[in-house]
């Protein structure tokens, strides 16, 4: 009788032991820390252009609400330190790329391994990520979300490096396959491209959809050390 009476609590205790432990969520930063912890993963998320023009939670007439903060929360749930600045209107891509490059370099100089640094960019943020990769030429990780278009392909200075994941939506006519960029970039050490199919065009990346988010988190967690 005694054992039977306490069995539910025993089972609850066992369940707690085997339950997955959710990664600790670190506070959002706008810029790279001056004293980084080399044991932490650092992920820069570079948002799309509409946030420059219309604020932190804008609504596009075709693509819907851009849930910027929801995306940041989901990325933070991976256990990485998320760094994301809300850019001012009319931010210059080249200047922004130089700024991100300097922050990445500061992490590397402070002893953070290249394998623990990732730059994730969507749309205009993806073009900034592409320009950053072309400047840095370090084996860090990149995720280009609906980032490639004719303007990227026509700019011969764009020759990316490092580990690159490209994700694009098949119904999107703004961000397309990055294959031409990857083919002319000999300093890419590893690459993967994923085509998703949600029917939401560019808006597929306005929300933390598992179709692109799972691929992104899986990529930035690699390689396993």
C-alpha atoms as a PDB file:
ATOM      1  CA  UNK A   1       0.000   0.000   0.000  1.00  0.00           C
ATOM      2  CA  UNK A   2       2.770   2.410   0.861  1.00  0.00           C
ATOM      3  CA  UNK A   3       4.511   1.812  -2.449  1.00  0.00           C
ATOM      4  CA  UNK A   4       1.273   2.193  -4.377  1.00  0.00           C
ATOM      5  CA  UNK A   5       0.435   5.457  -2.617  1.00  0.00           C
ATOM      6  CA  UNK A   6       3.794   7.013  -3.554  1.00  0.00           C
ATOM      7  CA  UNK A   7       4.045   5.576  -7.079  1.00  0.00           C
ATOM      8  CA  UNK A   8       2.740   8.693  -8.910  1.00  0.00           C
ATOM      9  CA  UNK A   9       5.345  10.934  -7.252  1.00  0.00           C
ATOM     10  CA  UNK A  10       8.066   8.423  -8.075  1.00  0.00           C
ATOM     11  CA  UNK A  11       7.004   8.415 -11.716  1.00  0.00           C
ATOM     12  CA  UNK A  12       6.969  12.212 -11.782  1.00  0.00           C
ATOM     13  CA  UNK A  13      10.502  12.241 -10.411  1.00  0.00           C
ATOM     14  CA  UNK A  14      11.685   9.843 -13.103  1.00  0.00           C
ATOM     15  CA  UNK A  15       9.954  11.894 -15.779  1.00  0.00           C
ATOM     16  CA  UNK A  16      11.776  14.999 -14.593  1.00  0.00           C
ATOM     17  CA  UNK A  17      15.098  13.182 -14.904  1.00  0.00           C
ATOM     18  CA  UNK A  18      14.505  12.050 -18.482  1.00  0.00           C
ATOM     19  CA  UNK A  19      12.676  15.171 -19.731  1.00  0.00           C
ATOM     20  CA  UNK A  20      14.680  17.290 -22.195  1.00  0.00           C
ATOM     21  CA  UNK A  21      16.300  20.345 -20.643  1.00  0.00           C
ATOM     22  CA  UNK A  22      15.416  23.554 -22.493  1.00  0.00           C
ATOM     23  CA  UNK A  23      18.428  25.659 -23.342  1.00  0.00           C
ATOM     24  CA  UNK A  24      18.894  28.715 -21.190  1.00  0.00           C
ATOM     25  CA  UNK A  25      17.690  31.847 -22.982  1.00  0.00           C
ATOM     26  CA  UNK A  26      20.228  34.653 -22.908  1.00  0.00           C
ATOM     27  CA  UNK A  27      19.159  38.315 -23.035  1.00  0.00           C
ATOM     28  CA  UNK A  28      19.065  39.913 -26.473  1.00  0.00           C
ATOM     29  CA  UNK A  29      22.029  42.142 -27.359  1.00  0.00           C
ATOM     30  CA  UNK A  30      22.154  44.872 -29.997  1.00  0.00           C
ATOM     31  CA  UNK A  31      25.924  44.633 -30.480  1.00  0.00           C
ATOM     32  CA  UNK A  32      28.607  42.068 -29.755  1.00  0.00           C
ATOM     33  CA  UNK A  33      29.740  41.986 -26.108  1.00  0.00           C
ATOM     34  CA  UNK A  34      33.117  43.490 -25.245  1.00  0.00           C
ATOM     35  CA  UNK A  35      33.974  40.518 -23.018  1.00  0.00           C
ATOM     36  CA  UNK A  36      32.492  37.481 -24.754  1.00  0.00           C
ATOM     37  CA  UNK A  37      32.385  33.988 -23.336  1.00  0.00           C
ATOM     38  CA  UNK A  38      34.226  31.659 -25.783  1.00  0.00           C
ATOM     39  CA  UNK A  39      31.991  28.764 -24.711  1.00  0.00           C
ATOM     40  CA  UNK A  40      28.811  30.454 -26.014  1.00  0.00           C
ATOM     41  CA  UNK A  41      27.488  30.504 -29.562  1.00  0.00           C
ATOM     42  CA  UNK A  42      26.901  33.983 -30.983  1.00  0.00           C
ATOM     43  CA  UNK A  43      24.277  34.539 -33.673  1.00  0.00           C
ATOM     44  CA  UNK A  44      23.755  37.849 -35.468  1.00  0.00           C
ATOM     45  CA  UNK A  45      20.238  38.147 -36.915  1.00  0.00           C
ATOM     46  CA  UNK A  46      19.895  40.813 -39.626  1.00  0.00           C
ATOM     47  CA  UNK A  47      16.264  41.723 -40.343  1.00  0.00           C
ATOM     48  CA  UNK A  48      14.517  42.684 -43.565  1.00  0.00           C
ATOM     49  CA  UNK A  49      14.225  46.208 -44.954  1.00  0.00           C
ATOM     50  CA  UNK A  50      10.585  46.811 -43.984  1.00  0.00           C
ATOM     51  CA  UNK A  51      11.602  47.208 -40.317  1.00  0.00           C
ATOM     52  CA  UNK A  52      13.878  50.090 -41.279  1.00  0.00           C
ATOM     53  CA  UNK A  53      10.907  51.892 -42.809  1.00  0.00           C
ATOM     54  CA  UNK A  54       7.959  50.940 -40.607  1.00  0.00           C
ATOM     55  CA  UNK A  55       9.185  49.946 -37.174  1.00  0.00           C
ATOM     56  CA  UNK A  56       9.655  46.820 -35.132  1.00  0.00           C
ATOM     57  CA  UNK A  57       6.384  45.023 -35.978  1.00  0.00           C
ATOM     58  CA  UNK A  58       5.377  46.192 -39.440  1.00  0.00           C
ATOM     59  CA  UNK A  59       2.595  44.865 -41.648  1.00  0.00           C
ATOM     60  CA  UNK A  60       3.144  44.318 -45.363  1.00  0.00           C
ATOM     61  CA  UNK A  61      -0.006  44.463 -47.552  1.00  0.00           C
ATOM     62  CA  UNK A  62       0.832  41.123 -49.209  1.00  0.00           C
ATOM     63  CA  UNK A  63       3.092  39.328 -46.730  1.00  0.00           C
ATOM     64  CA  UNK A  64       1.407  40.167 -43.425  1.00  0.00           C
ATOM     65  CA  UNK A  65       2.986  41.009 -40.067  1.00  0.00           C
ATOM     66  CA  UNK A  66       6.738  40.703 -39.666  1.00  0.00           C
ATOM     67  CA  UNK A  67       7.126  39.090 -36.248  1.00  0.00           C
ATOM     68  CA  UNK A  68      10.693  40.221 -35.610  1.00  0.00           C
ATOM     69  CA  UNK A  69      10.642  39.687 -31.850  1.00  0.00           C
ATOM     70  CA  UNK A  70       9.051  36.239 -32.174  1.00  0.00           C
ATOM     71  CA  UNK A  71      11.870  35.224 -34.518  1.00  0.00           C
ATOM     72  CA  UNK A  72      14.480  36.482 -32.054  1.00  0.00           C
ATOM     73  CA  UNK A  73      12.849  34.555 -29.208  1.00  0.00           C
ATOM     74  CA  UNK A  74      12.816  31.331 -31.209  1.00  0.00           C
ATOM     75  CA  UNK A  75      16.460  31.743 -32.186  1.00  0.00           C
ATOM     76  CA  UNK A  76      17.357  32.471 -28.560  1.00  0.00           C
ATOM     77  CA  UNK A  77      15.622  29.244 -27.551  1.00  0.00           C
ATOM     78  CA  UNK A  78      18.452  27.378 -29.272  1.00  0.00           C
ATOM     79  CA  UNK A  79      20.742  28.477 -26.440  1.00  0.00           C
ATOM     80  CA  UNK A  80      22.775  30.917 -28.538  1.00  0.00           C
ATOM     81  CA  UNK A  81      23.472  34.540 -27.652  1.00  0.00           C
ATOM     82  CA  UNK A  82      21.398  36.506 -30.173  1.00  0.00           C
ATOM     83  CA  UNK A  83      22.710  39.855 -31.383  1.00  0.00           C
ATOM     84  CA  UNK A  84      20.292  41.955 -33.416  1.00  0.00           C
ATOM     85  CA  UNK A  85      20.093  45.693 -33.938  1.00  0.00           C
ATOM     86  CA  UNK A  86      17.032  47.433 -35.344  1.00  0.00           C
ATOM     87  CA  UNK A  87      18.638  49.356 -38.198  1.00  0.00           C
ATOM     88  CA  UNK A  88      17.710  52.972 -38.991  1.00  0.00           C
ATOM     89  CA  UNK A  89      15.983  53.888 -42.276  1.00  0.00           C
ATOM     90  CA  UNK A  90      18.010  53.777 -45.482  1.00  0.00           C
ATOM     91  CA  UNK A  91      20.898  51.842 -43.956  1.00  0.00           C
ATOM     92  CA  UNK A  92      23.710  51.396 -46.479  1.00  0.00           C
ATOM     93  CA  UNK A  93      24.400  47.701 -47.119  1.00  0.00           C
ATOM     94  CA  UNK A  94      28.170  48.072 -47.468  1.00  0.00           C
ATOM     95  CA  UNK A  95      28.480  50.208 -44.328  1.00  0.00           C
ATOM     96  CA  UNK A  96      26.317  47.784 -42.330  1.00  0.00           C
ATOM     97  CA  UNK A  97      28.437  44.865 -43.551  1.00  0.00           C
ATOM     98  CA  UNK A  98      31.614  46.600 -42.399  1.00  0.00           C
ATOM     99  CA  UNK A  99      30.032  47.119 -38.975  1.00  0.00           C
ATOM    100  CA  UNK A 100      29.026  43.463 -38.623  1.00  0.00           C
ATOM    101  CA  UNK A 101      32.480  42.399 -39.848  1.00  0.00           C
ATOM    102  CA  UNK A 102      34.134  44.501 -37.150  1.00  0.00           C
ATOM    103  CA  UNK A 103      31.917  42.953 -34.459  1.00  0.00           C
ATOM    104  CA  UNK A 104      32.646  39.426 -35.669  1.00  0.00           C
ATOM    105  CA  UNK A 105      36.348  40.237 -35.742  1.00  0.00           C
ATOM    106  CA  UNK A 106      36.144  41.476 -32.151  1.00  0.00           C
ATOM    107  CA  UNK A 107      34.672  38.123 -31.081  1.00  0.00           C
ATOM    108  CA  UNK A 108      37.382  36.210 -32.923  1.00  0.00           C
ATOM    109  CA  UNK A 109      40.111  38.405 -31.424  1.00  0.00           C
ATOM    110  CA  UNK A 110      38.652  37.767 -27.955  1.00  0.00           C
ATOM    111  CA  UNK A 111      39.054  34.023 -28.408  1.00  0.00           C
ATOM    112  CA  UNK A 112      35.600  32.950 -29.594  1.00  0.00           C
ATOM    113  CA  UNK A 113      36.100  30.068 -32.077  1.00  0.00           C
ATOM    114  CA  UNK A 114      34.890  30.703 -35.624  1.00  0.00           C
ATOM    115  CA  UNK A 115      32.672  27.612 -35.287  1.00  0.00           C
ATOM    116  CA  UNK A 116      30.683  29.430 -32.577  1.00  0.00           C
ATOM    117  CA  UNK A 117      29.821  32.515 -34.634  1.00  0.00           C
ATOM    118  CA  UNK A 118      26.942  32.742 -37.124  1.00  0.00           C
ATOM    119  CA  UNK A 119      25.409  35.531 -39.199  1.00  0.00           C
ATOM    120  CA  UNK A 120      21.782  35.007 -40.258  1.00  0.00           C
ATOM    121  CA  UNK A 121      20.225  37.499 -42.637  1.00  0.00           C
ATOM    122  CA  UNK A 122      16.813  37.819 -44.293  1.00  0.00           C
ATOM    123  CA  UNK A 123      16.175  39.786 -47.503  1.00  0.00           C
ATOM    124  CA  UNK A 124      18.130  43.065 -47.162  1.00  0.00           C
ATOM    125  CA  UNK A 125      19.637  41.610 -43.997  1.00  0.00           C
ATOM    126  CA  UNK A 126      20.684  38.655 -46.126  1.00  0.00           C
ATOM    127  CA  UNK A 127      22.411  40.977 -48.585  1.00  0.00           C
ATOM    128  CA  UNK A 128      24.262  42.520 -45.635  1.00  0.00           C
ATOM    129  CA  UNK A 129      25.235  38.997 -44.544  1.00  0.00           C
ATOM    130  CA  UNK A 130      26.492  38.246 -48.074  1.00  0.00           C
ATOM    131  CA  UNK A 131      28.567  41.438 -48.086  1.00  0.00           C
ATOM    132  CA  UNK A 132      29.889  40.593 -44.607  1.00  0.00           C
ATOM    133  CA  UNK A 133      30.978  37.147 -45.783  1.00  0.00           C
ATOM    134  CA  UNK A 134      32.700  38.691 -48.802  1.00  0.00           C
ATOM    135  CA  UNK A 135      34.654  41.050 -46.533  1.00  0.00           C
ATOM    136  CA  UNK A 136      35.576  38.743 -43.644  1.00  0.00           C
ATOM    137  CA  UNK A 137      36.764  35.584 -45.396  1.00  0.00           C
ATOM    138  CA  UNK A 138      36.683  33.667 -42.126  1.00  0.00           C
ATOM    139  CA  UNK A 139      35.275  30.146 -41.635  1.00  0.00           C
ATOM    140  CA  UNK A 140      32.253  31.307 -39.633  1.00  0.00           C
ATOM    141  CA  UNK A 141      28.681  30.180 -40.317  1.00  0.00           C
ATOM    142  CA  UNK A 142      26.160  32.034 -42.489  1.00  0.00           C
ATOM    143  CA  UNK A 143      22.473  31.598 -43.224  1.00  0.00           C
ATOM    144  CA  UNK A 144      21.074  33.519 -46.197  1.00  0.00           C
ATOM    145  CA  UNK A 145      17.259  33.680 -46.064  1.00  0.00           C
ATOM    146  CA  UNK A 146      15.641  34.815 -49.337  1.00  0.00           C
ATOM    147  CA  UNK A 147      18.785  36.883 -49.807  1.00  0.00           C
ATOM    148  CA  UNK A 148      19.849  36.327 -53.419  1.00  0.00           C
ATOM    149  CA  UNK A 149      18.621  38.191 -56.485  1.00  0.00           C
ATOM    150  CA  UNK A 150      19.924  39.694 -59.713  1.00  0.00           C
ATOM    151  CA  UNK A 151      21.510  42.614 -57.838  1.00  0.00           C
ATOM    152  CA  UNK A 152      23.604  40.186 -55.777  1.00  0.00           C
ATOM    153  CA  UNK A 153      24.614  38.150 -58.822  1.00  0.00           C
ATOM    154  CA  UNK A 154      25.603  41.227 -60.833  1.00  0.00           C
ATOM    155  CA  UNK A 155      27.907  42.534 -58.085  1.00  0.00           C
ATOM    156  CA  UNK A 156      31.201  40.749 -58.699  1.00  0.00           C
ATOM    157  CA  UNK A 157      32.551  41.827 -55.295  1.00  0.00           C
ATOM    158  CA  UNK A 158      30.171  39.316 -53.723  1.00  0.00           C
ATOM    159  CA  UNK A 159      32.179  36.113 -53.320  1.00  0.00           C
ATOM    160  CA  UNK A 160      31.210  34.544 -50.047  1.00  0.00           C
ATOM    161  CA  UNK A 161      33.224  32.399 -47.657  1.00  0.00           C
ATOM    162  CA  UNK A 162      32.796  30.111 -44.657  1.00  0.00           C
ATOM    163  CA  UNK A 163      29.929  27.682 -44.055  1.00  0.00           C
ATOM    164  CA  UNK A 164      26.857  28.783 -45.988  1.00  0.00           C
ATOM    165  CA  UNK A 165      23.219  27.714 -45.791  1.00  0.00           C
ATOM    166  CA  UNK A 166      20.822  29.284 -48.282  1.00  0.00           C
ATOM    167  CA  UNK A 167      17.070  28.950 -47.759  1.00  0.00           C
ATOM    168  CA  UNK A 168      14.549  30.282 -50.262  1.00  0.00           C
ATOM    169  CA  UNK A 169      10.807  29.940 -50.849  1.00  0.00           C
ATOM    170  CA  UNK A 170       9.760  28.553 -54.232  1.00  0.00           C
ATOM    171  CA  UNK A 171       6.827  31.000 -54.568  1.00  0.00           C
ATOM    172  CA  UNK A 172       9.030  34.032 -53.813  1.00  0.00           C
ATOM    173  CA  UNK A 173      10.088  36.284 -56.691  1.00  0.00           C
ATOM    174  CA  UNK A 174      12.241  38.531 -54.461  1.00  0.00           C
ATOM    175  CA  UNK A 175      14.707  36.062 -52.932  1.00  0.00           C
ATOM    176  CA  UNK A 176      15.781  33.168 -55.169  1.00  0.00           C
ATOM    177  CA  UNK A 177      18.362  30.380 -55.216  1.00  0.00           C
ATOM    178  CA  UNK A 178      21.901  31.448 -54.306  1.00  0.00           C
ATOM    179  CA  UNK A 179      23.462  28.805 -56.556  1.00  0.00           C
ATOM    180  CA  UNK A 180      25.160  31.311 -58.937  1.00  0.00           C
ATOM    181  CA  UNK A 181      26.763  33.062 -55.939  1.00  0.00           C
ATOM    182  CA  UNK A 182      27.937  29.818 -54.367  1.00  0.00           C
ATOM    183  CA  UNK A 183      29.383  28.533 -57.640  1.00  0.00           C
ATOM    184  CA  UNK A 184      31.721  31.534 -57.967  1.00  0.00           C
ATOM    185  CA  UNK A 185      32.826  31.504 -54.304  1.00  0.00           C
ATOM    186  CA  UNK A 186      35.823  29.146 -53.888  1.00  0.00           C
ATOM    187  CA  UNK A 187      36.331  30.079 -50.221  1.00  0.00           C
ATOM    188  CA  UNK A 188      33.047  28.460 -49.162  1.00  0.00           C
ATOM    189  CA  UNK A 189      34.157  25.487 -47.060  1.00  0.00           C
ATOM    190  CA  UNK A 190      30.711  23.881 -46.812  1.00  0.00           C
ATOM    191  CA  UNK A 191      27.345  24.769 -48.306  1.00  0.00           C
ATOM    192  CA  UNK A 192      23.744  23.614 -48.406  1.00  0.00           C
ATOM    193  CA  UNK A 193      20.677  25.055 -50.089  1.00  0.00           C
ATOM    194  CA  UNK A 194      17.073  24.365 -49.094  1.00  0.00           C
ATOM    195  CA  UNK A 195      13.962  25.267 -51.066  1.00  0.00           C
ATOM    196  CA  UNK A 196      10.836  25.500 -48.948  1.00  0.00           C
ATOM    197  CA  UNK A 197       7.258  25.463 -50.179  1.00  0.00           C
ATOM    198  CA  UNK A 198       4.752  27.372 -48.067  1.00  0.00           C
ATOM    199  CA  UNK A 199       3.017  29.428 -50.768  1.00  0.00           C
ATOM    200  CA  UNK A 200       3.658  32.583 -48.690  1.00  0.00           C
ATOM    201  CA  UNK A 201       6.219  34.138 -51.024  1.00  0.00           C
ATOM    202  CA  UNK A 202       8.589  36.542 -49.215  1.00  0.00           C
ATOM    203  CA  UNK A 203       6.296  36.467 -46.191  1.00  0.00           C
ATOM    204  CA  UNK A 204       7.395  32.890 -45.429  1.00  0.00           C
ATOM    205  CA  UNK A 205      10.293  34.455 -43.518  1.00  0.00           C
ATOM    206  CA  UNK A 206       8.183  37.075 -41.722  1.00  0.00           C
ATOM    207  CA  UNK A 207       7.330  34.583 -39.001  1.00  0.00           C
ATOM    208  CA  UNK A 208       9.305  31.858 -37.195  1.00  0.00           C
ATOM    209  CA  UNK A 209       8.034  29.028 -39.400  1.00  0.00           C
ATOM    210  CA  UNK A 210       9.566  25.631 -38.761  1.00  0.00           C
ATOM    211  CA  UNK A 211      10.267  25.164 -42.488  1.00  0.00           C
ATOM    212  CA  UNK A 212      13.163  27.616 -42.383  1.00  0.00           C
ATOM    213  CA  UNK A 213      13.772  27.998 -38.654  1.00  0.00           C
ATOM    214  CA  UNK A 214      14.554  24.321 -38.019  1.00  0.00           C
ATOM    215  CA  UNK A 215      17.035  24.290 -40.912  1.00  0.00           C
ATOM    216  CA  UNK A 216      18.653  27.478 -39.596  1.00  0.00           C
ATOM    217  CA  UNK A 217      19.055  26.261 -36.018  1.00  0.00           C
ATOM    218  CA  UNK A 218      20.375  22.896 -37.167  1.00  0.00           C
ATOM    219  CA  UNK A 219      22.982  24.639 -39.346  1.00  0.00           C
ATOM    220  CA  UNK A 220      24.193  27.107 -36.732  1.00  0.00           C
ATOM    221  CA  UNK A 221      24.591  24.312 -34.170  1.00  0.00           C
ATOM    222  CA  UNK A 222      27.052  22.541 -36.448  1.00  0.00           C
ATOM    223  CA  UNK A 223      29.758  21.485 -36.459  1.00  0.00           C
ATOM    224  CA  UNK A 224      29.464  19.692 -33.145  1.00  0.00           C
ATOM    225  CA  UNK A 225      32.604  20.271 -31.086  1.00  0.00           C
END
